Amino acid sequence: MSDGANASEAALAVVVAKDSKIESISKRELVDVYMGRFDVLESGQVVQPVDYENGSVFRGLFYRTLVNKNERQINAYWSRLIFSGRAKPPLQVSSPEQSLAYLRRNQSALAYMPVERVSEEMKIVLILE
């Protein structure tokens, strides 16, 4: 897919660092992690989700695919959780390159990006379409 292609047509890969002990994640676990419910997978692995900044086409596509919510709904959801002190939102980055840099430094990091941006430094643990 070229940069000019419609992002809504892209599959998103959920990735971890190549050397991460995380081998897979279910969609249910992914929802729980990105919605602030859990930071430990069923396998016992601690996970640190990486998200994109507001306005990112990848972020909009991810949450629409994951929980059928738009970015405004996600922001309102997180505002309530943060205000109540119940959860901390995922780290936000501005690009797939920043996401990869964080994955390289953090074996428990979990990120998402277009499938065609996945490199040999990453391991795909789930594909969202």
C-alpha atoms as a PDB file:
ATOM      1  CA  MET A   1       0.000   0.000   0.000  1.00  0.00           C
ATOM      2  CA  SER A   2       1.435   3.376  -0.896  1.00  0.00           C
ATOM      3  CA  ASP A   3       1.238   6.315   1.484  1.00  0.00           C
ATOM      4  CA  GLY A   4      -1.516   7.738  -0.692  1.00  0.00           C
ATOM      5  CA  ALA A   5      -3.718   4.659  -0.401  1.00  0.00           C
ATOM      6  CA  ASN A   6      -6.796   4.702   1.777  1.00  0.00           C
ATOM      7  CA  ALA A   7      -5.779   3.656   5.309  1.00  0.00           C
ATOM      8  CA  SER A   8      -9.245   2.207   5.931  1.00  0.00           C
ATOM      9  CA  GLU A   9      -8.359  -0.567   3.482  1.00  0.00           C
ATOM     10  CA  ALA A  10      -5.222  -1.537   5.402  1.00  0.00           C
ATOM     11  CA  ALA A  11      -4.837  -4.445   7.772  1.00  0.00           C
ATOM     12  CA  LEU A  12      -3.149  -3.542  11.033  1.00  0.00           C
ATOM     13  CA  ALA A  13      -0.523  -5.760  12.599  1.00  0.00           C
ATOM     14  CA  VAL A  14      -0.262  -5.896  16.380  1.00  0.00           C
ATOM     15  CA  VAL A  15       3.446  -6.273  17.043  1.00  0.00           C
ATOM     16  CA  VAL A  16       6.038  -6.759  19.753  1.00  0.00           C
ATOM     17  CA  ALA A  17       9.829  -6.682  19.620  1.00  0.00           C
ATOM     18  CA  LYS A  18      11.331  -9.711  17.879  1.00  0.00           C
ATOM     19  CA  ASP A  19      12.887 -10.883  21.172  1.00  0.00           C
ATOM     20  CA  SER A  20       9.748 -10.346  23.268  1.00  0.00           C
ATOM     21  CA  LYS A  21       8.439 -13.290  25.274  1.00  0.00           C
ATOM     22  CA  ILE A  22       4.923 -12.416  24.066  1.00  0.00           C
ATOM     23  CA  GLU A  23       4.042 -14.894  21.319  1.00  0.00           C
ATOM     24  CA  SER A  24       0.387 -14.070  20.657  1.00  0.00           C
ATOM     25  CA  ILE A  25      -2.546 -12.057  21.938  1.00  0.00           C
ATOM     26  CA  SER A  26      -6.259 -12.639  21.477  1.00  0.00           C
ATOM     27  CA  LYS A  27      -8.526  -9.855  20.279  1.00  0.00           C
ATOM     28  CA  ARG A  28     -10.261  -9.954  23.677  1.00  0.00           C
ATOM     29  CA  GLU A  29      -6.925  -9.446  25.473  1.00  0.00           C
ATOM     30  CA  LEU A  30      -6.061  -6.645  23.052  1.00  0.00           C
ATOM     31  CA  VAL A  31      -9.336  -4.882  23.847  1.00  0.00           C
ATOM     32  CA  ASP A  32      -8.677  -5.261  27.578  1.00  0.00           C
ATOM     33  CA  VAL A  33      -5.130  -3.888  27.264  1.00  0.00           C
ATOM     34  CA  TYR A  34      -5.971  -0.907  25.044  1.00  0.00           C
ATOM     35  CA  MET A  35      -9.096  -0.040  27.035  1.00  0.00           C
ATOM     36  CA  GLY A  36      -7.114   0.071  30.285  1.00  0.00           C
ATOM     37  CA  ARG A  37      -8.637  -2.994  31.932  1.00  0.00           C
ATOM     38  CA  PHE A  38      -5.498  -5.131  32.271  1.00  0.00           C
ATOM     39  CA  ASP A  39      -1.759  -4.812  31.781  1.00  0.00           C
ATOM     40  CA  VAL A  40      -1.001  -8.514  32.219  1.00  0.00           C
ATOM     41  CA  LEU A  41      -1.882 -11.092  29.557  1.00  0.00           C
ATOM     42  CA  GLU A  42      -3.386 -14.502  30.318  1.00  0.00           C
ATOM     43  CA  SER A  43       0.116 -15.910  29.758  1.00  0.00           C
ATOM     44  CA  GLY A  44       1.330 -13.824  32.717  1.00  0.00           C
ATOM     45  CA  GLN A  45       3.313 -11.430  30.518  1.00  0.00           C
ATOM     46  CA  VAL A  46       3.175  -7.773  31.543  1.00  0.00           C
ATOM     47  CA  VAL A  47       2.347  -5.609  28.541  1.00  0.00           C
ATOM     48  CA  GLN A  48       2.756  -1.889  27.851  1.00  0.00           C
ATOM     49  CA  PRO A  49       0.541  -0.674  25.000  1.00  0.00           C
ATOM     50  CA  VAL A  50       1.765   1.976  22.580  1.00  0.00           C
ATOM     51  CA  ASP A  51      -0.828   4.151  20.851  1.00  0.00           C
ATOM     52  CA  TYR A  52      -0.718   6.957  18.290  1.00  0.00           C
ATOM     53  CA  GLU A  53      -1.480  10.588  18.972  1.00  0.00           C
ATOM     54  CA  ASN A  54      -4.944  12.054  18.436  1.00  0.00           C
ATOM     55  CA  GLY A  55      -5.695  12.601  14.774  1.00  0.00           C
ATOM     56  CA  SER A  56      -3.562   9.711  13.532  1.00  0.00           C
ATOM     57  CA  VAL A  57      -5.280   7.807  10.730  1.00  0.00           C
ATOM     58  CA  PHE A  58      -3.842   4.595  12.230  1.00  0.00           C
ATOM     59  CA  ARG A  59      -5.398   5.363  15.627  1.00  0.00           C
ATOM     60  CA  GLY A  60      -8.826   5.983  14.133  1.00  0.00           C
ATOM     61  CA  LEU A  61      -8.686   2.765  12.122  1.00  0.00           C
ATOM     62  CA  PHE A  62      -7.408   0.754  15.094  1.00  0.00           C
ATOM     63  CA  TYR A  63     -10.198   1.729  17.490  1.00  0.00           C
ATOM     64  CA  ARG A  64     -12.879   1.439  14.811  1.00  0.00           C
ATOM     65  CA  THR A  65     -11.660  -2.112  14.065  1.00  0.00           C
ATOM     66  CA  LEU A  66     -11.032  -3.072  17.696  1.00  0.00           C
ATOM     67  CA  VAL A  67     -14.081  -1.732  19.545  1.00  0.00           C
ATOM     68  CA  ASN A  68     -16.177   0.010  16.860  1.00  0.00           C
ATOM     69  CA  LYS A  69     -15.631   3.439  18.419  1.00  0.00           C
ATOM     70  CA  ASN A  70     -14.398   6.652  16.853  1.00  0.00           C
ATOM     71  CA  GLU A  71     -11.575   8.733  18.253  1.00  0.00           C
ATOM     72  CA  ARG A  72     -13.922  11.181  20.007  1.00  0.00           C
ATOM     73  CA  GLN A  73     -15.585   8.271  21.844  1.00  0.00           C
ATOM     74  CA  ILE A  74     -12.196   6.818  22.810  1.00  0.00           C
ATOM     75  CA  ASN A  75     -10.979  10.187  24.111  1.00  0.00           C
ATOM     76  CA  ALA A  76     -14.148  10.588  26.211  1.00  0.00           C
ATOM     77  CA  TYR A  77     -13.728   7.049  27.565  1.00  0.00           C
ATOM     78  CA  TRP A  78     -10.120   7.745  28.601  1.00  0.00           C
ATOM     79  CA  SER A  79     -11.032  11.116  30.105  1.00  0.00           C
ATOM     80  CA  ARG A  80     -13.459   9.347  32.451  1.00  0.00           C
ATOM     81  CA  LEU A  81     -10.928   6.645  33.399  1.00  0.00           C
ATOM     82  CA  ILE A  82      -8.125   9.131  34.014  1.00  0.00           C
ATOM     83  CA  PHE A  83     -10.383  11.412  36.066  1.00  0.00           C
ATOM     84  CA  SER A  84     -11.495   8.506  38.238  1.00  0.00           C
ATOM     85  CA  GLY A  85      -7.891   7.348  38.681  1.00  0.00           C
ATOM     86  CA  ARG A  86      -8.765   3.827  37.506  1.00  0.00           C
ATOM     87  CA  ALA A  87      -6.310   3.529  34.634  1.00  0.00           C
ATOM     88  CA  LYS A  88      -3.429   5.136  32.795  1.00  0.00           C
ATOM     89  CA  PRO A  89      -3.727   5.516  29.005  1.00  0.00           C
ATOM     90  CA  PRO A  90      -1.261   3.906  26.603  1.00  0.00           C
ATOM     91  CA  LEU A  91       1.927   5.765  25.764  1.00  0.00           C
ATOM     92  CA  GLN A  92       1.309   7.889  22.659  1.00  0.00           C
ATOM     93  CA  VAL A  93       3.750   8.238  19.773  1.00  0.00           C
ATOM     94  CA  SER A  94       3.500  10.205  16.554  1.00  0.00           C
ATOM     95  CA  SER A  95       4.716   7.633  14.008  1.00  0.00           C
ATOM     96  CA  PRO A  96       5.371   3.950  13.315  1.00  0.00           C
ATOM     97  CA  GLU A  97       9.090   4.790  13.569  1.00  0.00           C
ATOM     98  CA  GLN A  98       8.653   6.069  17.142  1.00  0.00           C
ATOM     99  CA  SER A  99       6.605   2.977  17.904  1.00  0.00           C
ATOM    100  CA  LEU A 100       9.457   0.757  16.673  1.00  0.00           C
ATOM    101  CA  ALA A 101      11.999   2.742  18.708  1.00  0.00           C
ATOM    102  CA  TYR A 102       9.936   2.113  21.851  1.00  0.00           C
ATOM    103  CA  LEU A 103       9.575  -1.602  20.998  1.00  0.00           C
ATOM    104  CA  ARG A 104      13.356  -1.871  20.650  1.00  0.00           C
ATOM    105  CA  ARG A 105      13.866  -0.477  24.166  1.00  0.00           C
ATOM    106  CA  ASN A 106      11.010  -2.283  25.888  1.00  0.00           C
ATOM    107  CA  GLN A 107      10.396  -6.038  25.663  1.00  0.00           C
ATOM    108  CA  SER A 108       6.898  -5.707  27.156  1.00  0.00           C
ATOM    109  CA  ALA A 109       5.766  -3.071  24.636  1.00  0.00           C
ATOM    110  CA  LEU A 110       2.849  -3.843  22.343  1.00  0.00           C
ATOM    111  CA  ALA A 111       2.106  -1.659  19.324  1.00  0.00           C
ATOM    112  CA  TYR A 112       0.109  -1.624  16.103  1.00  0.00           C
ATOM    113  CA  MET A 113       0.894  -0.451  12.602  1.00  0.00           C
ATOM    114  CA  PRO A 114       0.013  -1.166   8.982  1.00  0.00           C
ATOM    115  CA  VAL A 115       1.120  -4.677   8.023  1.00  0.00           C
ATOM    116  CA  GLU A 116       3.406  -3.339   5.295  1.00  0.00           C
ATOM    117  CA  ARG A 117       5.362  -1.305   7.894  1.00  0.00           C
ATOM    118  CA  VAL A 118       6.308  -4.406   9.920  1.00  0.00           C
ATOM    119  CA  SER A 119      10.062  -5.066   9.827  1.00  0.00           C
ATOM    120  CA  GLU A 120      12.275  -7.998  10.751  1.00  0.00           C
ATOM    121  CA  GLU A 121      12.811  -6.318  14.138  1.00  0.00           C
ATOM    122  CA  MET A 122       9.188  -7.062  15.063  1.00  0.00           C
ATOM    123  CA  LYS A 123       7.034 -10.090  15.688  1.00  0.00           C
ATOM    124  CA  ILE A 124       3.363 -10.037  14.660  1.00  0.00           C
ATOM    125  CA  VAL A 125       1.110 -11.332  17.465  1.00  0.00           C
ATOM    126  CA  LEU A 126      -2.285 -10.521  15.863  1.00  0.00           C
ATOM    127  CA  ILE A 127      -3.664  -9.128  12.596  1.00  0.00           C
ATOM    128  CA  LEU A 128      -6.722  -6.840  12.680  1.00  0.00           C
ATOM    129  CA  GLU A 129      -8.728  -6.474   9.478  1.00  0.00           C
END
